[in-house]
Amino acid sequence: MKYIFLIAAFNALFFAVLVLQKKKALHDKILIYWLIYLGLYTGVYALFSNKLFEDFHLLSASFISLLLLHGPFLFLYISALIDQKFQFNRKKLLHFVPFILFNLYIVIASLIPKISERIRLDHVEGEAGAPLMFNFFLILTVLSGPFYFISSILLFKKLDINIFNNFSTYENVNLDWLRKLVYTFGAIWTVLMIFVTIHHVFQMFSWIFCTHGLSLSLSVFIILIGYFGLKQKEIFIPYPDQNIQYVTEPKTKYANVTLKKDEAEKYVNKIRHYMRVEKPYLDADLTLPQLAAKLHIPSHLLSRIINEIFRLNFFDFINQYRVQEVKSKLNDPEFDNLSLLGIAFDSGFNSKSAFNRVFKKFTGMTPSEYKSQH
């Protein structure tokens, strides 16, 4: 088991070095610090866990407090990926306050023998009960994981809204790898923390079983987060023109501006004409800022027109044209030599799964069913 942890520690530091070589966005910088933390944590556990929990009780408690850092790193990493205006400021440091307070308590307790001798993670015969404050911080550590996993899941819901308002394709921007990792690791982490709580309260299971389980799950997490994090690109890339940006705020700067009827009709006619003549939807990677730049309409205004007048989000607005393009080509003998998937790719779709899902959403039937009926 020791060698597994050492390999994981090496992988974490190795991936951190690789990410360091990239042209670093803010989420990459957070990932670097996160991987260094994971590597050092797992490495120290692999080398010193046997003596740490038996002979250095205060130090082992401080070591366990490091688990309070994992959730904040996860939350901040996802936040930096899904929010183009995300900045690491003083407010973000509040996520690390529980870790600081836990260690401040340990430092103060070390000066008071009656308290420090009762702070230990293993359980020995005749031991007095652990201090109330120490138990409080342990409970805080246990709850930290589920709290941040749930918070991360809520961030994914925000990401979904931003994707559908800014992108015409879901692939490569939905952070599917990170979603699966959060769901899986969140469930495993919560179960292991329950075991830790049962151990500390009822002295069931061995402490080594609990800590080995946590460290082993972290080892697997390191390999996955390092590998996929290294390949992850920035999702919402800022544009030089402030009027041509991704729309990620719930309330845009045009929300309180009245859109006159004649002005709205002018924009609608311009958009419809451009979509019909230029067919920008044939570009599989078309985004809201790209279309806004081509139409010479500010992104926020274009998004508002699509949402309020067309009654669609950007994703559905573009894909309805792609579906119509597919239907048109299916009825055109010129495209009889192409397969369904070939026609889909020729109409702006970039994957079979997306094509089938979107086509059924707009027509109520699969592409094959539509072709056989028409």
Protein backbone atom coordinates (compact mmCIF):
# COMPACT_ATOMS: atom_id res chain seq x y z
CA MET A 1 0.00 0.00 0.00
CA LYS A 2 2.88 2.32 0.82
CA TYR A 3 4.21 2.12 -2.75
CA ILE A 4 0.78 2.93 -4.20
CA PHE A 5 0.70 6.14 -2.16
CA LEU A 6 4.25 7.04 -3.20
CA ILE A 7 3.40 6.48 -6.87
CA ALA A 8 0.32 8.69 -6.47
CA ALA A 9 2.42 11.39 -4.78
CA PHE A 10 4.95 11.27 -7.62
CA ASN A 11 2.15 11.48 -10.19
CA ALA A 12 0.64 14.53 -8.50
CA LEU A 13 3.96 16.42 -8.52
CA PHE A 14 4.72 15.23 -12.06
CA PHE A 15 1.35 16.47 -13.35
CA ALA A 16 1.89 19.78 -11.52
CA VAL A 17 5.17 20.23 -13.44
CA LEU A 18 3.41 19.41 -16.74
CA VAL A 19 0.61 21.90 -16.09
CA LEU A 20 3.29 24.44 -15.22
CA GLN A 21 4.55 24.15 -18.82
CA LYS A 22 1.14 25.15 -20.26
CA LYS A 23 0.02 28.65 -21.15
CA LYS A 24 -1.66 28.95 -17.78
CA ALA A 25 -5.19 30.21 -17.24
CA LEU A 26 -6.34 30.84 -13.66
CA HIS A 27 -7.85 27.35 -13.33
CA ASP A 28 -4.45 25.86 -14.28
CA LYS A 29 -2.74 27.84 -11.51
CA ILE A 30 -5.27 26.56 -8.97
CA LEU A 31 -4.74 23.03 -10.28
CA ILE A 32 -0.97 23.35 -9.81
CA TYR A 33 -1.31 24.28 -6.12
CA TRP A 34 -3.97 21.59 -5.68
CA LEU A 35 -1.73 18.88 -7.15
CA ILE A 36 1.23 20.00 -5.02
CA TYR A 37 -0.97 19.79 -1.92
CA LEU A 38 -2.25 16.32 -2.91
CA GLY A 39 1.26 15.10 -3.70
CA LEU A 40 2.74 16.27 -0.41
CA TYR A 41 -0.21 14.96 1.60
CA THR A 42 -0.09 11.51 0.02
CA GLY A 43 3.72 11.36 0.15
CA VAL A 44 3.90 12.27 3.84
CA TYR A 45 1.20 9.74 4.62
CA ALA A 46 3.06 7.00 2.74
CA LEU A 47 6.35 7.66 4.56
CA PHE A 48 5.26 8.56 8.08
CA SER A 49 1.72 7.28 8.75
CA ASN A 50 2.85 4.46 11.05
CA LYS A 51 4.67 6.73 13.49
CA LEU A 52 2.61 9.85 12.91
CA PHE A 53 -0.68 8.64 14.43
CA GLU A 54 0.94 6.70 17.29
CA ASP A 55 3.74 8.97 18.47
CA PHE A 56 2.83 12.49 17.35
CA HIS A 57 -0.78 13.09 18.31
CA LEU A 58 -0.91 16.85 17.81
CA LEU A 59 0.99 16.63 14.55
CA SER A 60 -1.34 13.88 13.30
CA ALA A 61 -4.35 16.07 14.15
CA SER A 62 -2.80 18.91 12.15
CA PHE A 63 -2.17 16.45 9.31
CA ILE A 64 -5.85 15.45 9.28
CA SER A 65 -6.80 19.14 9.16
CA LEU A 66 -5.27 19.22 5.68
CA LEU A 67 -8.40 17.42 4.47
CA LEU A 68 -10.19 20.75 4.95
CA LEU A 69 -8.25 22.04 1.94
CA HIS A 70 -9.47 19.48 -0.57
CA GLY A 71 -13.04 20.81 -0.88
CA PRO A 72 -12.02 24.47 -1.33
CA PHE A 73 -9.51 23.55 -4.05
CA LEU A 74 -12.20 21.59 -5.90
CA PHE A 75 -14.74 24.40 -5.59
CA LEU A 76 -12.31 27.13 -6.68
CA TYR A 77 -11.05 25.05 -9.62
CA ILE A 78 -14.56 24.54 -10.98
CA SER A 79 -15.45 28.19 -10.31
CA ALA A 80 -12.44 29.36 -12.32
CA LEU A 81 -13.45 27.09 -15.21
CA ILE A 82 -17.09 28.16 -15.48
CA ASP A 83 -16.84 31.88 -14.66
CA GLN A 84 -14.86 34.03 -17.08
CA LYS A 85 -14.82 36.88 -14.53
CA PHE A 86 -13.57 34.71 -11.66
CA GLN A 87 -10.77 36.31 -9.65
CA PHE A 88 -8.90 34.99 -6.64
CA ASN A 89 -9.42 37.75 -4.08
CA ARG A 90 -9.55 38.07 -0.30
CA LYS A 91 -13.12 36.84 -0.21
CA LYS A 92 -12.01 33.52 -1.70
CA LEU A 93 -9.57 33.09 1.20
CA LEU A 94 -12.54 32.56 3.52
CA HIS A 95 -12.71 29.00 2.22
CA PHE A 96 -9.43 28.30 4.02
CA VAL A 97 -10.46 29.82 7.38
CA PRO A 98 -11.62 26.48 8.94
CA PHE A 99 -8.20 24.95 8.19
CA ILE A 100 -6.43 27.93 9.77
CA LEU A 101 -8.67 27.91 12.85
CA PHE A 102 -8.22 24.15 13.33
CA ASN A 103 -4.43 24.54 13.38
CA LEU A 104 -4.60 27.64 15.55
CA TYR A 105 -6.57 25.59 18.08
CA ILE A 106 -3.93 22.83 17.94
CA VAL A 107 -1.14 25.35 18.55
CA ILE A 108 -2.98 26.84 21.56
CA ALA A 109 -3.84 23.34 22.89
CA SER A 110 -0.16 22.34 22.70
CA LEU A 111 0.56 24.95 25.38
CA ILE A 112 -2.00 23.42 27.76
CA PRO A 113 -0.97 19.85 28.77
CA LYS A 114 -4.42 18.93 30.17
CA ILE A 115 -5.96 19.56 26.76
CA SER A 116 -3.13 18.46 24.47
CA GLU A 117 -2.82 15.00 26.06
CA ARG A 118 -6.48 14.34 25.25
CA ILE A 119 -6.08 15.23 21.58
CA ARG A 120 -5.40 11.97 19.80
CA LEU A 121 -6.94 10.19 16.85
CA ASP A 122 -6.35 6.65 18.07
CA HIS A 123 -8.16 5.34 21.13
CA VAL A 124 -6.27 3.86 24.09
CA GLU A 125 -7.47 2.28 27.32
CA GLY A 126 -8.24 4.70 30.13
CA GLU A 127 -8.13 7.72 27.81
CA ALA A 128 -10.26 10.65 28.88
CA GLY A 129 -12.78 11.98 26.39
CA ALA A 130 -11.49 14.17 23.57
CA PRO A 131 -11.93 17.94 24.05
CA LEU A 132 -15.24 19.31 22.81
CA MET A 133 -13.54 21.84 20.54
CA PHE A 134 -11.38 19.12 18.98
CA ASN A 135 -14.49 17.06 18.24
CA PHE A 136 -16.09 20.13 16.71
CA PHE A 137 -13.20 20.56 14.26
CA LEU A 138 -13.27 16.85 13.41
CA ILE A 139 -16.99 17.11 12.63
CA LEU A 140 -16.24 20.21 10.54
CA THR A 141 -13.64 18.19 8.61
CA VAL A 142 -16.16 15.39 8.04
CA LEU A 143 -18.86 17.79 6.80
CA SER A 144 -16.46 19.79 4.64
CA GLY A 145 -16.32 17.12 1.93
CA PRO A 146 -20.09 16.69 1.35
CA PHE A 147 -20.60 20.47 1.60
CA TYR A 148 -18.13 21.23 -1.17
CA PHE A 149 -19.25 18.33 -3.33
CA ILE A 150 -22.83 19.62 -3.20
CA SER A 151 -21.60 23.16 -3.87
CA SER A 152 -19.66 21.85 -6.88
CA ILE A 153 -22.75 20.11 -8.24
CA LEU A 154 -24.63 23.42 -8.02
CA LEU A 155 -21.81 25.03 -9.98
CA PHE A 156 -22.33 22.45 -12.73
CA LYS A 157 -25.98 23.51 -12.97
CA LYS A 158 -24.79 27.09 -13.48
CA LEU A 159 -22.38 25.82 -16.14
CA ASP A 160 -25.24 24.10 -18.00
CA ILE A 161 -27.16 27.39 -18.17
CA ASN A 162 -24.10 29.22 -19.45
CA ILE A 163 -23.39 26.53 -22.05
CA PHE A 164 -26.90 26.63 -23.48
CA ASN A 165 -26.79 30.43 -23.60
CA ASN A 166 -23.40 30.63 -25.32
CA PHE A 167 -22.57 27.46 -27.24
CA SER A 168 -24.22 25.61 -30.09
CA THR A 169 -22.66 22.28 -29.12
CA TYR A 170 -22.42 20.57 -25.76
CA GLU A 171 -19.35 18.43 -26.46
CA ASN A 172 -15.93 19.49 -25.12
CA VAL A 173 -17.36 22.23 -22.87
CA ASN A 174 -19.63 20.32 -20.49
CA LEU A 175 -16.81 19.14 -18.16
CA ASP A 176 -18.28 15.64 -18.27
CA TRP A 177 -15.04 14.12 -16.93
CA LEU A 178 -15.10 16.43 -13.90
CA ARG A 179 -18.79 15.81 -13.23
CA LYS A 180 -18.24 12.05 -13.09
CA LEU A 181 -15.21 12.53 -10.89
CA VAL A 182 -17.10 14.75 -8.44
CA TYR A 183 -20.11 12.42 -8.26
CA THR A 184 -18.01 9.28 -7.82
CA PHE A 185 -15.39 10.67 -5.48
CA GLY A 186 -18.01 12.60 -3.52
CA ALA A 187 -19.94 9.39 -2.78
CA ILE A 188 -16.77 7.47 -1.83
CA TRP A 189 -15.46 10.33 0.31
CA THR A 190 -18.78 10.69 2.16
CA VAL A 191 -18.93 6.95 2.94
CA LEU A 192 -15.35 6.95 4.20
CA MET A 193 -16.03 9.99 6.37
CA ILE A 194 -18.99 8.16 7.89
CA PHE A 195 -16.62 5.31 8.78
CA VAL A 196 -14.23 7.84 10.33
CA THR A 197 -17.05 9.30 12.43
CA ILE A 198 -18.19 5.85 13.60
CA HIS A 199 -14.61 5.01 14.51
CA HIS A 200 -14.10 8.18 16.52
CA VAL A 201 -17.45 7.99 18.35
CA PHE A 202 -17.92 4.25 18.84
CA GLN A 203 -14.30 3.06 18.44
CA MET A 204 -15.38 0.71 15.63
CA PHE A 205 -13.05 -0.12 12.71
CA SER A 206 -9.34 0.60 12.92
CA TRP A 207 -7.99 4.09 12.38
CA ILE A 208 -5.58 2.71 9.76
CA PHE A 209 -8.57 1.33 7.81
CA CYS A 210 -10.11 4.82 7.72
CA THR A 211 -6.94 6.73 6.81
CA HIS A 212 -5.82 4.12 4.26
CA GLY A 213 -9.24 4.32 2.61
CA LEU A 214 -9.08 8.12 2.38
CA SER A 215 -5.51 8.11 1.07
CA LEU A 216 -6.23 5.36 -1.46
CA SER A 217 -9.22 7.26 -2.84
CA LEU A 218 -7.06 10.40 -3.02
CA SER A 219 -4.44 8.42 -4.93
CA VAL A 220 -6.96 7.46 -7.62
CA PHE A 221 -8.30 11.03 -7.64
CA ILE A 222 -4.77 12.39 -8.20
CA ILE A 223 -4.23 10.35 -11.34
CA LEU A 224 -7.60 11.32 -12.82
CA ILE A 225 -7.57 15.02 -11.93
CA GLY A 226 -3.97 15.34 -13.09
CA TYR A 227 -4.50 13.59 -16.43
CA PHE A 228 -7.76 15.30 -17.41
CA GLY A 229 -6.86 18.62 -15.79
CA LEU A 230 -3.71 18.76 -17.90
CA LYS A 231 -5.79 18.53 -21.09
CA GLN A 232 -8.59 20.86 -19.94
CA LYS A 233 -8.77 24.09 -21.93
CA GLU A 234 -10.31 27.39 -20.93
CA ILE A 235 -14.04 27.37 -21.67
CA PHE A 236 -15.05 31.04 -21.60
CA ILE A 237 -12.18 32.83 -23.33
CA PRO A 238 -12.45 36.64 -23.04
CA TYR A 239 -12.57 38.65 -26.27
CA PRO A 240 -10.77 41.99 -26.78
CA ASP A 241 -14.06 43.72 -27.64
CA GLN A 242 -16.04 44.24 -24.42
CA ASN A 243 -19.30 44.18 -26.37
CA ILE A 244 -18.47 40.75 -27.79
CA GLN A 245 -18.26 38.48 -24.76
CA TYR A 246 -19.83 35.36 -23.36
CA VAL A 247 -23.05 36.09 -21.43
CA THR A 248 -22.64 34.40 -18.05
CA GLU A 249 -24.39 36.79 -15.65
CA PRO A 250 -27.98 36.05 -14.54
CA LYS A 251 -28.88 39.73 -15.15
CA THR A 252 -27.30 41.39 -18.13
CA LYS A 253 -26.55 45.07 -18.51
CA TYR A 254 -29.48 45.29 -20.99
CA ALA A 255 -32.02 43.87 -18.53
CA ASN A 256 -33.32 47.29 -17.51
CA VAL A 257 -33.21 48.80 -21.00
CA THR A 258 -36.53 48.82 -22.84
CA LEU A 259 -36.29 47.30 -26.30
CA LYS A 260 -38.59 49.21 -28.63
CA LYS A 261 -40.84 47.18 -30.93
CA ASP A 262 -39.55 48.64 -34.20
CA GLU A 263 -35.95 48.25 -33.02
CA ALA A 264 -36.61 44.64 -32.02
CA GLU A 265 -38.15 43.87 -35.41
CA LYS A 266 -35.11 45.35 -37.14
CA TYR A 267 -32.77 43.07 -35.19
CA VAL A 268 -35.01 40.03 -35.72
CA ASN A 269 -35.13 40.58 -39.49
CA LYS A 270 -31.37 41.07 -39.59
CA ILE A 271 -30.75 37.86 -37.64
CA ARG A 272 -33.19 35.79 -39.72
CA HIS A 273 -31.75 37.08 -42.98
CA TYR A 274 -28.19 36.33 -41.90
CA MET A 275 -29.08 32.83 -40.68
CA ARG A 276 -30.90 32.05 -43.95
CA VAL A 277 -28.30 33.48 -46.33
CA GLU A 278 -24.94 32.96 -44.59
CA LYS A 279 -25.85 29.76 -42.69
CA PRO A 280 -23.38 30.30 -39.80
CA TYR A 281 -24.88 27.25 -38.04
CA LEU A 282 -22.88 25.02 -40.41
CA ASP A 283 -19.89 25.86 -38.21
CA ALA A 284 -20.03 23.10 -35.57
CA ASP A 285 -18.20 25.27 -33.01
CA LEU A 286 -20.30 28.42 -33.43
CA THR A 287 -20.64 30.46 -30.21
CA LEU A 288 -22.73 33.44 -29.17
CA PRO A 289 -19.78 35.91 -29.29
CA GLN A 290 -18.83 34.67 -32.77
CA LEU A 291 -22.36 35.18 -34.10
CA ALA A 292 -22.59 38.55 -32.34
CA ALA A 293 -19.36 39.67 -34.02
CA LYS A 294 -20.64 38.60 -37.46
CA LEU A 295 -23.95 40.42 -36.94
CA HIS A 296 -22.28 43.46 -35.32
CA ILE A 297 -24.69 43.19 -32.38
CA PRO A 298 -23.45 43.25 -28.74
CA SER A 299 -23.48 39.76 -27.18
CA HIS A 300 -25.82 40.71 -24.33
CA LEU A 301 -28.31 42.27 -26.75
CA LEU A 302 -28.20 39.29 -29.12
CA SER A 303 -28.71 36.91 -26.19
CA ARG A 304 -31.67 38.96 -25.00
CA ILE A 305 -33.32 38.95 -28.43
CA ILE A 306 -32.87 35.18 -28.77
CA ASN A 307 -34.23 34.58 -25.25
CA GLU A 308 -37.11 37.06 -25.22
CA ILE A 309 -38.27 37.25 -28.84
CA PHE A 310 -37.35 33.87 -30.30
CA ARG A 311 -38.14 32.26 -26.91
CA LEU A 312 -35.10 29.99 -27.15
CA ASN A 313 -31.65 29.72 -25.66
CA PHE A 314 -28.69 30.05 -28.02
CA PHE A 315 -28.12 26.27 -28.17
CA ASP A 316 -31.68 25.52 -29.32
CA PHE A 317 -31.78 28.57 -31.59
CA ILE A 318 -28.79 27.36 -33.62
CA ASN A 319 -29.66 23.67 -33.55
CA GLN A 320 -33.18 24.21 -34.88
CA TYR A 321 -31.53 25.52 -38.07
CA ARG A 322 -29.26 22.48 -38.18
CA VAL A 323 -32.25 20.15 -37.86
CA GLN A 324 -34.02 21.99 -40.71
CA GLU A 325 -30.85 21.69 -42.77
CA VAL A 326 -30.77 17.93 -42.18
CA LYS A 327 -34.45 17.58 -43.11
CA SER A 328 -33.89 19.63 -46.26
CA LYS A 329 -30.94 17.48 -47.35
CA LEU A 330 -32.80 14.24 -46.61
CA ASN A 331 -35.43 15.36 -49.16
CA ASP A 332 -32.82 16.42 -51.71
CA PRO A 333 -31.67 13.68 -54.17
CA GLU A 334 -28.32 15.43 -54.41
CA PHE A 335 -27.43 14.09 -50.96
CA ASP A 336 -28.62 10.51 -51.48
CA ASN A 337 -25.00 9.35 -51.56
CA LEU A 338 -24.44 10.55 -47.97
CA SER A 339 -25.31 8.56 -44.87
CA LEU A 340 -27.45 10.06 -42.13
CA LEU A 341 -24.35 10.80 -40.10
CA GLY A 342 -22.64 12.33 -43.11
CA ILE A 343 -25.61 14.67 -43.63
CA ALA A 344 -25.56 15.52 -39.92
CA PHE A 345 -21.88 16.49 -40.03
CA ASP A 346 -22.51 18.44 -43.23
CA SER A 347 -25.28 20.35 -41.42
CA GLY A 348 -23.24 21.55 -38.45
CA PHE A 349 -23.45 18.68 -35.96
CA ASN A 350 -20.17 17.32 -34.63
CA SER A 351 -21.19 14.03 -32.98
CA LYS A 352 -23.68 11.24 -33.53
CA SER A 353 -25.06 11.38 -29.98
CA ALA A 354 -25.68 15.14 -30.15
CA PHE A 355 -27.34 14.78 -33.56
CA ASN A 356 -29.73 12.04 -32.39
CA ARG A 357 -30.58 13.85 -29.17
CA VAL A 358 -31.23 17.25 -30.76
CA PHE A 359 -33.07 15.87 -33.79
CA LYS A 360 -35.51 13.91 -31.60
CA LYS A 361 -36.04 16.96 -29.40
CA PHE A 362 -37.22 19.08 -32.34
CA THR A 363 -39.05 16.45 -34.40
CA GLY A 364 -40.26 13.93 -31.85
CA MET A 365 -38.60 11.07 -33.73
CA THR A 366 -35.13 9.72 -34.37
CA PRO A 367 -33.34 10.59 -37.63
CA SER A 368 -33.85 7.01 -38.89
CA GLU A 369 -37.56 7.12 -38.15
CA TYR A 370 -37.90 10.48 -39.91
CA LYS A 371 -36.00 9.22 -42.98
CA SER A 372 -38.15 6.09 -43.27
CA GLN A 373 -41.37 8.14 -43.05
CA HIS A 374 -40.28 10.84 -45.50
